[in-house]
Amino acid sequence: MQFQKGMTMELKNKTVIITGASSGIGAAAALLFASEGANVVLGARREAQLNTIVGQITQSGGRAVCLAGDVTDETYSGDLVDLAKRQFGGLDGAFNNAGIMGDTGPVPEMESGNWQSVLATNLTSAFFAAKAQIPAMEERGGGSIVFTGTFVGVSNGGMPGMGAY
């Protein structure tokens, strides 16, 4: 990610939780935030990939820890906040990035379990995250929460087969 000259994210010594951090946007955010001086707490289901990202950050002199888990489990959000407090003394921000597309296909043929899984991962987990993160940030006098969205919700036309997403 490129920033304009003089642009800063002001993350030095801030502690940020990043979900969906084992690949893609979440992994890129973790590396970027750490390079800007943030302490990062990484969450995702894939433990091996999380450990790889943590290794990259710590080898570069950054500070990172991870906890594998499922964002659809409400206790997991609290566990990430607890880890931030134990390792870095509190929480200043969060990038709630975990999300899935689910199985694609026509809505009339879609299994209700697919629908529920997409909603639980993409929507309900955001509620669980905010519910756990807000009190921790209030303890530090405030903070910022960012939720990843998708262009699909604002595109000019539907995307065939992606009804749940």
N, C-alpha and C. Protein backbone atom coordinates (compact mmCIF):
# COMPACT_ATOMS: atom_id res chain seq x y z
N MET A 1 0.85 -1.17 0.00
CA MET A 1 0.00 0.00 0.00
C MET A 1 0.90 1.23 0.00
N GLN A 2 0.58 2.18 -0.83
CA GLN A 2 1.37 3.40 -0.95
C GLN A 2 0.61 4.57 -0.33
N PHE A 3 1.34 5.40 0.38
CA PHE A 3 0.78 6.61 0.96
C PHE A 3 1.48 7.80 0.34
N GLN A 4 0.79 8.92 0.32
CA GLN A 4 1.40 10.14 -0.17
C GLN A 4 2.49 10.57 0.79
N LYS A 5 3.48 11.26 0.26
CA LYS A 5 4.57 11.74 1.08
C LYS A 5 4.02 12.59 2.23
N GLY A 6 4.51 12.30 3.42
CA GLY A 6 4.09 13.03 4.60
C GLY A 6 2.84 12.48 5.26
N MET A 7 2.18 11.54 4.60
CA MET A 7 0.96 10.95 5.19
C MET A 7 1.35 9.94 6.25
N THR A 8 0.71 10.02 7.39
CA THR A 8 1.01 9.10 8.47
C THR A 8 -0.28 8.53 9.03
N MET A 9 -0.21 7.30 9.54
CA MET A 9 -1.40 6.68 10.09
C MET A 9 -1.46 6.85 11.61
N GLU A 10 -0.42 7.42 12.22
CA GLU A 10 -0.38 7.69 13.66
C GLU A 10 -0.72 6.45 14.49
N LEU A 11 -0.01 5.37 14.20
CA LEU A 11 -0.24 4.11 14.90
C LEU A 11 0.86 3.74 15.88
N LYS A 12 1.89 4.57 15.98
CA LYS A 12 3.00 4.24 16.87
C LYS A 12 2.52 3.98 18.29
N ASN A 13 2.88 2.80 18.79
CA ASN A 13 2.55 2.36 20.14
C ASN A 13 1.04 2.20 20.40
N LYS A 14 0.25 2.16 19.37
CA LYS A 14 -1.18 1.88 19.50
C LYS A 14 -1.37 0.37 19.34
N THR A 15 -2.36 -0.17 20.02
CA THR A 15 -2.66 -1.60 19.92
C THR A 15 -3.94 -1.79 19.14
N VAL A 16 -3.85 -2.62 18.09
CA VAL A 16 -4.96 -2.80 17.16
C VAL A 16 -5.22 -4.30 16.95
N ILE A 17 -6.47 -4.69 17.06
CA ILE A 17 -6.90 -6.04 16.70
C ILE A 17 -7.23 -6.05 15.22
N ILE A 18 -6.79 -7.10 14.52
CA ILE A 18 -7.13 -7.28 13.10
C ILE A 18 -7.68 -8.68 12.93
N THR A 19 -8.94 -8.79 12.50
CA THR A 19 -9.50 -10.10 12.22
C THR A 19 -9.39 -10.40 10.72
N GLY A 20 -9.49 -11.67 10.40
CA GLY A 20 -9.27 -12.06 9.01
C GLY A 20 -7.84 -11.81 8.60
N ALA A 21 -6.92 -11.93 9.56
CA ALA A 21 -5.54 -11.51 9.36
C ALA A 21 -4.62 -12.57 8.79
N SER A 22 -5.14 -13.74 8.44
CA SER A 22 -4.25 -14.80 7.97
C SER A 22 -3.94 -14.70 6.48
N SER A 23 -4.64 -13.84 5.75
CA SER A 23 -4.37 -13.70 4.32
C SER A 23 -5.02 -12.42 3.79
N GLY A 24 -4.77 -12.11 2.55
CA GLY A 24 -5.43 -11.02 1.85
C GLY A 24 -5.33 -9.68 2.53
N ILE A 25 -6.45 -8.97 2.57
CA ILE A 25 -6.50 -7.61 3.12
C ILE A 25 -6.07 -7.60 4.58
N GLY A 26 -6.50 -8.58 5.37
CA GLY A 26 -6.14 -8.61 6.78
C GLY A 26 -4.65 -8.77 7.01
N ALA A 27 -4.02 -9.66 6.25
CA ALA A 27 -2.57 -9.86 6.38
C ALA A 27 -1.83 -8.60 5.95
N ALA A 28 -2.27 -8.00 4.85
CA ALA A 28 -1.63 -6.77 4.37
C ALA A 28 -1.77 -5.65 5.41
N ALA A 29 -2.95 -5.55 6.01
CA ALA A 29 -3.17 -4.53 7.05
C ALA A 29 -2.26 -4.79 8.24
N ALA A 30 -2.13 -6.05 8.64
CA ALA A 30 -1.28 -6.38 9.78
C ALA A 30 0.16 -5.95 9.54
N LEU A 31 0.67 -6.25 8.37
CA LEU A 31 2.04 -5.87 8.03
C LEU A 31 2.19 -4.35 7.97
N LEU A 32 1.22 -3.67 7.38
CA LEU A 32 1.26 -2.22 7.27
C LEU A 32 1.16 -1.56 8.64
N PHE A 33 0.19 -1.96 9.44
CA PHE A 33 0.01 -1.35 10.76
C PHE A 33 1.25 -1.55 11.62
N ALA A 34 1.81 -2.76 11.58
CA ALA A 34 3.02 -3.03 12.36
C ALA A 34 4.18 -2.18 11.86
N SER A 35 4.30 -2.00 10.55
CA SER A 35 5.38 -1.17 10.01
C SER A 35 5.22 0.29 10.41
N GLU A 36 4.00 0.70 10.75
CA GLU A 36 3.73 2.05 11.22
C GLU A 36 3.86 2.17 12.74
N GLY A 37 4.30 1.09 13.40
CA GLY A 37 4.58 1.14 14.83
C GLY A 37 3.50 0.59 15.74
N ALA A 38 2.43 0.04 15.17
CA ALA A 38 1.35 -0.50 16.00
C ALA A 38 1.72 -1.86 16.58
N ASN A 39 1.19 -2.14 17.76
CA ASN A 39 1.18 -3.49 18.31
C ASN A 39 -0.05 -4.15 17.69
N VAL A 40 0.11 -5.30 17.06
CA VAL A 40 -1.03 -5.92 16.40
C VAL A 40 -1.39 -7.25 17.04
N VAL A 41 -2.69 -7.44 17.22
CA VAL A 41 -3.25 -8.69 17.73
C VAL A 41 -4.04 -9.27 16.57
N LEU A 42 -3.56 -10.39 16.05
CA LEU A 42 -4.12 -10.96 14.83
C LEU A 42 -5.05 -12.11 15.13
N GLY A 43 -6.18 -12.13 14.45
CA GLY A 43 -7.15 -13.19 14.61
C GLY A 43 -7.61 -13.73 13.27
N ALA A 44 -7.80 -15.04 13.21
CA ALA A 44 -8.34 -15.73 12.04
C ALA A 44 -8.45 -17.20 12.41
N ARG A 45 -9.02 -17.99 11.53
CA ARG A 45 -9.17 -19.42 11.81
C ARG A 45 -7.87 -20.20 11.56
N ARG A 46 -7.06 -19.77 10.63
CA ARG A 46 -5.89 -20.55 10.19
C ARG A 46 -4.64 -20.19 11.00
N GLU A 47 -4.36 -21.01 12.00
CA GLU A 47 -3.28 -20.73 12.94
C GLU A 47 -1.90 -20.69 12.28
N ALA A 48 -1.63 -21.61 11.38
CA ALA A 48 -0.31 -21.64 10.74
C ALA A 48 -0.04 -20.35 9.96
N GLN A 49 -1.03 -19.87 9.24
CA GLN A 49 -0.86 -18.63 8.48
C GLN A 49 -0.71 -17.43 9.41
N LEU A 50 -1.47 -17.43 10.51
CA LEU A 50 -1.32 -16.35 11.49
C LEU A 50 0.10 -16.33 12.05
N ASN A 51 0.61 -17.50 12.40
CA ASN A 51 1.97 -17.58 12.94
C ASN A 51 3.00 -17.09 11.94
N THR A 52 2.77 -17.34 10.65
CA THR A 52 3.69 -16.86 9.61
C THR A 52 3.70 -15.33 9.59
N ILE A 53 2.53 -14.71 9.64
CA ILE A 53 2.44 -13.24 9.63
C ILE A 53 3.10 -12.67 10.88
N VAL A 54 2.84 -13.27 12.04
CA VAL A 54 3.47 -12.81 13.28
C VAL A 54 4.99 -12.90 13.15
N GLY A 55 5.48 -13.99 12.58
CA GLY A 55 6.92 -14.15 12.38
C GLY A 55 7.51 -13.07 11.49
N GLN A 56 6.82 -12.74 10.41
CA GLN A 56 7.29 -11.68 9.52
C GLN A 56 7.37 -10.34 10.25
N ILE A 57 6.36 -10.07 11.06
CA ILE A 57 6.33 -8.80 11.79
C ILE A 57 7.43 -8.74 12.84
N THR A 58 7.57 -9.79 13.62
CA THR A 58 8.57 -9.76 14.69
C THR A 58 9.98 -9.78 14.14
N GLN A 59 10.20 -10.44 13.03
CA GLN A 59 11.53 -10.45 12.40
C GLN A 59 11.90 -9.06 11.89
N SER A 60 10.91 -8.25 11.61
CA SER A 60 11.15 -6.88 11.15
C SER A 60 11.20 -5.89 12.31
N GLY A 61 11.15 -6.40 13.54
CA GLY A 61 11.23 -5.53 14.71
C GLY A 61 9.88 -5.07 15.23
N GLY A 62 8.80 -5.57 14.65
CA GLY A 62 7.47 -5.19 15.09
C GLY A 62 6.99 -6.04 16.25
N ARG A 63 5.82 -5.68 16.77
CA ARG A 63 5.23 -6.39 17.90
C ARG A 63 3.89 -6.97 17.46
N ALA A 64 3.78 -8.30 17.55
CA ALA A 64 2.56 -8.97 17.10
C ALA A 64 2.34 -10.25 17.89
N VAL A 65 1.08 -10.54 18.13
CA VAL A 65 0.65 -11.81 18.71
C VAL A 65 -0.58 -12.25 17.94
N CYS A 66 -0.93 -13.51 18.08
CA CYS A 66 -2.11 -14.00 17.39
C CYS A 66 -2.87 -15.00 18.23
N LEU A 67 -4.12 -15.17 17.87
CA LEU A 67 -4.98 -16.16 18.49
C LEU A 67 -5.90 -16.68 17.41
N ALA A 68 -5.79 -17.97 17.11
CA ALA A 68 -6.66 -18.58 16.12
C ALA A 68 -8.03 -18.82 16.73
N GLY A 69 -9.07 -18.61 15.94
CA GLY A 69 -10.41 -18.85 16.41
C GLY A 69 -11.43 -18.46 15.37
N ASP A 70 -12.69 -18.56 15.74
CA ASP A 70 -13.81 -18.33 14.83
C ASP A 70 -14.57 -17.08 15.28
N VAL A 71 -14.64 -16.09 14.40
CA VAL A 71 -15.31 -14.83 14.75
C VAL A 71 -16.80 -14.99 15.00
N THR A 72 -17.37 -16.11 14.60
CA THR A 72 -18.79 -16.33 14.85
C THR A 72 -19.05 -16.82 16.28
N ASP A 73 -18.00 -17.08 17.02
CA ASP A 73 -18.09 -17.47 18.43
C ASP A 73 -17.90 -16.20 19.26
N GLU A 74 -18.94 -15.78 19.95
CA GLU A 74 -18.90 -14.51 20.68
C GLU A 74 -17.74 -14.43 21.67
N THR A 75 -17.40 -15.54 22.30
CA THR A 75 -16.31 -15.50 23.29
C THR A 75 -14.96 -15.21 22.64
N TYR A 76 -14.81 -15.55 21.37
CA TYR A 76 -13.55 -15.30 20.68
C TYR A 76 -13.23 -13.81 20.62
N SER A 77 -14.23 -12.97 20.39
CA SER A 77 -14.00 -11.52 20.37
C SER A 77 -13.45 -11.04 21.70
N GLY A 78 -14.02 -11.53 22.78
CA GLY A 78 -13.51 -11.18 24.11
C GLY A 78 -12.12 -11.71 24.35
N ASP A 79 -11.84 -12.90 23.83
CA ASP A 79 -10.50 -13.47 23.98
C ASP A 79 -9.44 -12.62 23.27
N LEU A 80 -9.78 -12.08 22.10
CA LEU A 80 -8.83 -11.21 21.40
C LEU A 80 -8.57 -9.93 22.20
N VAL A 81 -9.63 -9.36 22.77
CA VAL A 81 -9.47 -8.16 23.60
C VAL A 81 -8.62 -8.48 24.83
N ASP A 82 -8.90 -9.60 25.47
CA ASP A 82 -8.10 -10.01 26.64
C ASP A 82 -6.64 -10.16 26.28
N LEU A 83 -6.36 -10.74 25.11
CA LEU A 83 -4.97 -10.89 24.66
C LEU A 83 -4.31 -9.53 24.46
N ALA A 84 -5.03 -8.59 23.87
CA ALA A 84 -4.50 -7.23 23.68
C ALA A 84 -4.15 -6.59 25.02
N LYS A 85 -5.02 -6.78 26.00
CA LYS A 85 -4.77 -6.20 27.32
C LYS A 85 -3.58 -6.86 28.00
N ARG A 86 -3.51 -8.19 27.94
CA ARG A 86 -2.40 -8.91 28.59
C ARG A 86 -1.06 -8.59 27.95
N GLN A 87 -1.00 -8.59 26.63
CA GLN A 87 0.27 -8.42 25.93
C GLN A 87 0.71 -6.97 25.79
N PHE A 88 -0.26 -6.06 25.63
CA PHE A 88 0.10 -4.69 25.29
C PHE A 88 -0.56 -3.64 26.19
N GLY A 89 -1.29 -4.06 27.20
CA GLY A 89 -1.83 -3.12 28.17
C GLY A 89 -3.16 -2.49 27.85
N GLY A 90 -3.75 -2.82 26.72
CA GLY A 90 -5.04 -2.26 26.37
C GLY A 90 -5.31 -2.35 24.89
N LEU A 91 -6.35 -1.64 24.46
CA LEU A 91 -6.76 -1.67 23.05
C LEU A 91 -7.09 -0.26 22.59
N ASP A 92 -6.53 0.10 21.42
CA ASP A 92 -6.75 1.43 20.86
C ASP A 92 -7.57 1.42 19.58
N GLY A 93 -7.65 0.26 18.93
CA GLY A 93 -8.38 0.21 17.67
C GLY A 93 -8.58 -1.21 17.20
N ALA A 94 -9.42 -1.33 16.18
CA ALA A 94 -9.70 -2.64 15.60
C ALA A 94 -10.02 -2.49 14.13
N PHE A 95 -9.57 -3.46 13.37
CA PHE A 95 -9.91 -3.58 11.96
C PHE A 95 -10.61 -4.93 11.82
N ASN A 96 -11.93 -4.91 11.87
CA ASN A 96 -12.73 -6.12 11.81
C ASN A 96 -12.96 -6.45 10.34
N ASN A 97 -12.14 -7.35 9.85
CA ASN A 97 -12.01 -7.61 8.43
C ASN A 97 -12.46 -9.01 8.03
N ALA A 98 -12.72 -9.89 8.98
CA ALA A 98 -13.09 -11.26 8.65
C ALA A 98 -14.39 -11.29 7.85
N GLY A 99 -14.41 -12.10 6.82
CA GLY A 99 -15.62 -12.23 6.02
C GLY A 99 -15.50 -13.41 5.06
N ILE A 100 -16.65 -13.89 4.61
CA ILE A 100 -16.70 -14.99 3.65
C ILE A 100 -17.74 -14.68 2.58
N MET A 101 -17.59 -15.32 1.42
CA MET A 101 -18.59 -15.21 0.36
C MET A 101 -19.64 -16.30 0.49
N GLY A 102 -19.29 -17.43 1.03
CA GLY A 102 -20.21 -18.55 1.10
C GLY A 102 -20.31 -19.26 -0.24
N ASP A 103 -21.18 -20.24 -0.29
CA ASP A 103 -21.39 -20.97 -1.53
C ASP A 103 -22.19 -20.11 -2.49
N THR A 104 -21.87 -20.17 -3.76
CA THR A 104 -22.58 -19.38 -4.75
C THR A 104 -23.63 -20.25 -5.44
N GLY A 105 -24.64 -19.60 -5.94
CA GLY A 105 -25.70 -20.28 -6.66
C GLY A 105 -26.99 -19.50 -6.55
N PRO A 106 -27.99 -19.90 -7.30
CA PRO A 106 -29.28 -19.21 -7.26
C PRO A 106 -29.92 -19.30 -5.87
N VAL A 107 -30.54 -18.22 -5.44
CA VAL A 107 -31.16 -18.17 -4.12
C VAL A 107 -32.17 -19.31 -3.92
N PRO A 108 -33.02 -19.62 -4.89
CA PRO A 108 -33.97 -20.71 -4.64
C PRO A 108 -33.33 -22.06 -4.35
N GLU A 109 -32.10 -22.22 -4.76
CA GLU A 109 -31.40 -23.48 -4.55
C GLU A 109 -30.43 -23.42 -3.36
N MET A 110 -30.32 -22.26 -2.72
CA MET A 110 -29.35 -22.07 -1.64
C MET A 110 -29.79 -22.78 -0.37
N GLU A 111 -28.84 -23.42 0.27
CA GLU A 111 -29.09 -24.05 1.56
C GLU A 111 -29.17 -22.97 2.64
N SER A 112 -30.09 -23.09 3.56
CA SER A 112 -30.23 -22.08 4.60
C SER A 112 -28.99 -22.02 5.48
N GLY A 113 -28.28 -23.13 5.63
CA GLY A 113 -27.04 -23.12 6.40
C GLY A 113 -25.99 -22.21 5.80
N ASN A 114 -25.93 -22.15 4.46
CA ASN A 114 -25.00 -21.24 3.79
C ASN A 114 -25.36 -19.80 4.11
N TRP A 115 -26.64 -19.48 4.00
CA TRP A 115 -27.12 -18.12 4.32
C TRP A 115 -26.73 -17.75 5.74
N GLN A 116 -27.02 -18.63 6.69
CA GLN A 116 -26.73 -18.37 8.10
C GLN A 116 -25.23 -18.21 8.34
N SER A 117 -24.42 -19.00 7.68
CA SER A 117 -22.96 -18.92 7.85
C SER A 117 -22.41 -17.58 7.36
N VAL A 118 -22.89 -17.13 6.20
CA VAL A 118 -22.43 -15.85 5.66
C VAL A 118 -22.86 -14.70 6.58
N LEU A 119 -24.11 -14.72 7.02
CA LEU A 119 -24.57 -13.65 7.92
C LEU A 119 -23.82 -13.67 9.25
N ALA A 120 -23.60 -14.86 9.78
CA ALA A 120 -22.89 -14.96 11.06
C ALA A 120 -21.46 -14.43 10.94
N THR A 121 -20.80 -14.76 9.85
CA THR A 121 -19.41 -14.33 9.67
C THR A 121 -19.31 -12.86 9.31
N ASN A 122 -20.15 -12.40 8.40
CA ASN A 122 -20.00 -11.05 7.87
C ASN A 122 -20.73 -9.99 8.68
N LEU A 123 -21.77 -10.35 9.41
CA LEU A 123 -22.55 -9.35 10.14
C LEU A 123 -22.53 -9.58 11.65
N THR A 124 -22.96 -10.74 12.08
CA THR A 124 -23.06 -10.98 13.52
C THR A 124 -21.70 -10.88 14.19
N SER A 125 -20.66 -11.35 13.53
CA SER A 125 -19.32 -11.26 14.13
C SER A 125 -18.89 -9.81 14.34
N ALA A 126 -19.34 -8.91 13.49
CA ALA A 126 -19.02 -7.49 13.66
C ALA A 126 -19.65 -6.95 14.94
N PHE A 127 -20.88 -7.38 15.22
CA PHE A 127 -21.54 -7.01 16.46
C PHE A 127 -20.77 -7.55 17.66
N PHE A 128 -20.40 -8.85 17.61
CA PHE A 128 -19.64 -9.45 18.70
C PHE A 128 -18.33 -8.69 18.94
N ALA A 129 -17.65 -8.35 17.85
CA ALA A 129 -16.38 -7.64 17.96
C ALA A 129 -16.57 -6.29 18.63
N ALA A 130 -17.50 -5.50 18.12
CA ALA A 130 -17.73 -4.16 18.69
C ALA A 130 -18.14 -4.25 20.15
N LYS A 131 -18.98 -5.22 20.48
CA LYS A 131 -19.44 -5.40 21.85
C LYS A 131 -18.27 -5.62 22.81
N ALA A 132 -17.26 -6.37 22.37
CA ALA A 132 -16.09 -6.62 23.21
C ALA A 132 -15.07 -5.49 23.14
N GLN A 133 -14.93 -4.86 21.98
CA GLN A 133 -13.87 -3.88 21.77
C GLN A 133 -14.19 -2.50 22.35
N ILE A 134 -15.43 -2.08 22.27
CA ILE A 134 -15.78 -0.72 22.72
C ILE A 134 -15.43 -0.48 24.19
N PRO A 135 -15.81 -1.37 25.11
CA PRO A 135 -15.45 -1.11 26.51
C PRO A 135 -13.93 -1.04 26.73
N ALA A 136 -13.18 -1.87 26.03
CA ALA A 136 -11.72 -1.85 26.18
C ALA A 136 -11.14 -0.53 25.68
N MET A 137 -11.68 0.00 24.59
CA MET A 137 -11.19 1.27 24.07
C MET A 137 -11.62 2.43 24.97
N GLU A 138 -12.80 2.32 25.54
CA GLU A 138 -13.24 3.36 26.47
C GLU A 138 -12.32 3.44 27.69
N GLU A 139 -11.77 2.29 28.11
CA GLU A 139 -10.82 2.28 29.23
C GLU A 139 -9.57 3.09 28.90
N ARG A 140 -9.24 3.21 27.62
CA ARG A 140 -8.05 3.96 27.18
C ARG A 140 -8.41 5.38 26.74
N GLY A 141 -9.67 5.77 26.89
CA GLY A 141 -10.07 7.12 26.51
C GLY A 141 -10.59 7.23 25.10
N GLY A 142 -10.79 6.13 24.40
CA GLY A 142 -11.33 6.17 23.05
C GLY A 142 -10.54 5.28 22.11
N GLY A 143 -10.93 5.29 20.87
CA GLY A 143 -10.27 4.48 19.87
C GLY A 143 -11.03 4.53 18.57
N SER A 144 -10.63 3.66 17.65
CA SER A 144 -11.27 3.61 16.34
C SER A 144 -11.56 2.16 15.96
N ILE A 145 -12.72 1.95 15.37
CA ILE A 145 -13.08 0.64 14.85
C ILE A 145 -13.41 0.80 13.38
N VAL A 146 -12.81 -0.05 12.56
CA VAL A 146 -13.06 -0.07 11.13
C VAL A 146 -13.61 -1.44 10.76
N PHE A 147 -14.66 -1.46 9.95
CA PHE A 147 -15.25 -2.70 9.46
C PHE A 147 -15.07 -2.76 7.95
N THR A 148 -14.55 -3.87 7.46
CA THR A 148 -14.43 -4.05 6.02
C THR A 148 -15.82 -4.24 5.42
N GLY A 149 -16.07 -3.56 4.33
CA GLY A 149 -17.30 -3.72 3.58
C GLY A 149 -16.98 -4.24 2.19
N THR A 150 -17.98 -4.29 1.35
CA THR A 150 -17.78 -4.79 0.00
C THR A 150 -18.46 -3.86 -1.00
N PHE A 151 -17.87 -3.79 -2.16
CA PHE A 151 -18.46 -2.99 -3.24
C PHE A 151 -19.74 -3.63 -3.77
N VAL A 152 -19.95 -4.91 -3.47
CA VAL A 152 -21.10 -5.62 -4.01
C VAL A 152 -22.40 -4.96 -3.56
N GLY A 153 -22.44 -4.44 -2.35
CA GLY A 153 -23.64 -3.81 -1.84
C GLY A 153 -24.00 -2.51 -2.51
N VAL A 154 -23.06 -1.89 -3.19
CA VAL A 154 -23.33 -0.61 -3.83
C VAL A 154 -23.10 -0.66 -5.34
N SER A 155 -22.92 -1.86 -5.89
CA SER A 155 -22.69 -1.97 -7.33
C SER A 155 -24.00 -1.72 -8.08
N ASN A 156 -23.88 -1.39 -9.34
CA ASN A 156 -25.05 -1.07 -10.15
C ASN A 156 -25.91 -2.28 -10.46
N GLY A 157 -25.40 -3.44 -10.31
CA GLY A 157 -26.18 -4.64 -10.61
C GLY A 157 -25.81 -5.73 -9.64
N GLY A 158 -26.69 -6.67 -9.51
CA GLY A 158 -26.38 -7.81 -8.63
C GLY A 158 -25.27 -8.66 -9.23
N MET A 159 -24.70 -9.46 -8.40
CA MET A 159 -23.69 -10.41 -8.88
C MET A 159 -24.33 -11.78 -8.83
N PRO A 160 -24.54 -12.37 -9.98
CA PRO A 160 -25.24 -13.65 -10.04
C PRO A 160 -24.60 -14.69 -9.11
N GLY A 161 -25.47 -15.38 -8.37
CA GLY A 161 -25.01 -16.46 -7.51
C GLY A 161 -24.50 -16.04 -6.16
N MET A 162 -24.56 -14.75 -5.84
CA MET A 162 -23.99 -14.28 -4.56
C MET A 162 -25.05 -13.67 -3.66
N GLY A 163 -26.21 -14.29 -3.61
CA GLY A 163 -27.33 -13.76 -2.84
C GLY A 163 -27.04 -13.60 -1.36
N ALA A 164 -26.37 -14.56 -0.75
CA ALA A 164 -26.08 -14.47 0.68
C ALA A 164 -25.03 -13.40 0.96
N TYR A 165 -24.03 -13.28 0.09
CA TYR A 165 -22.97 -12.31 0.26
C TYR A 165 -23.51 -10.91 0.06
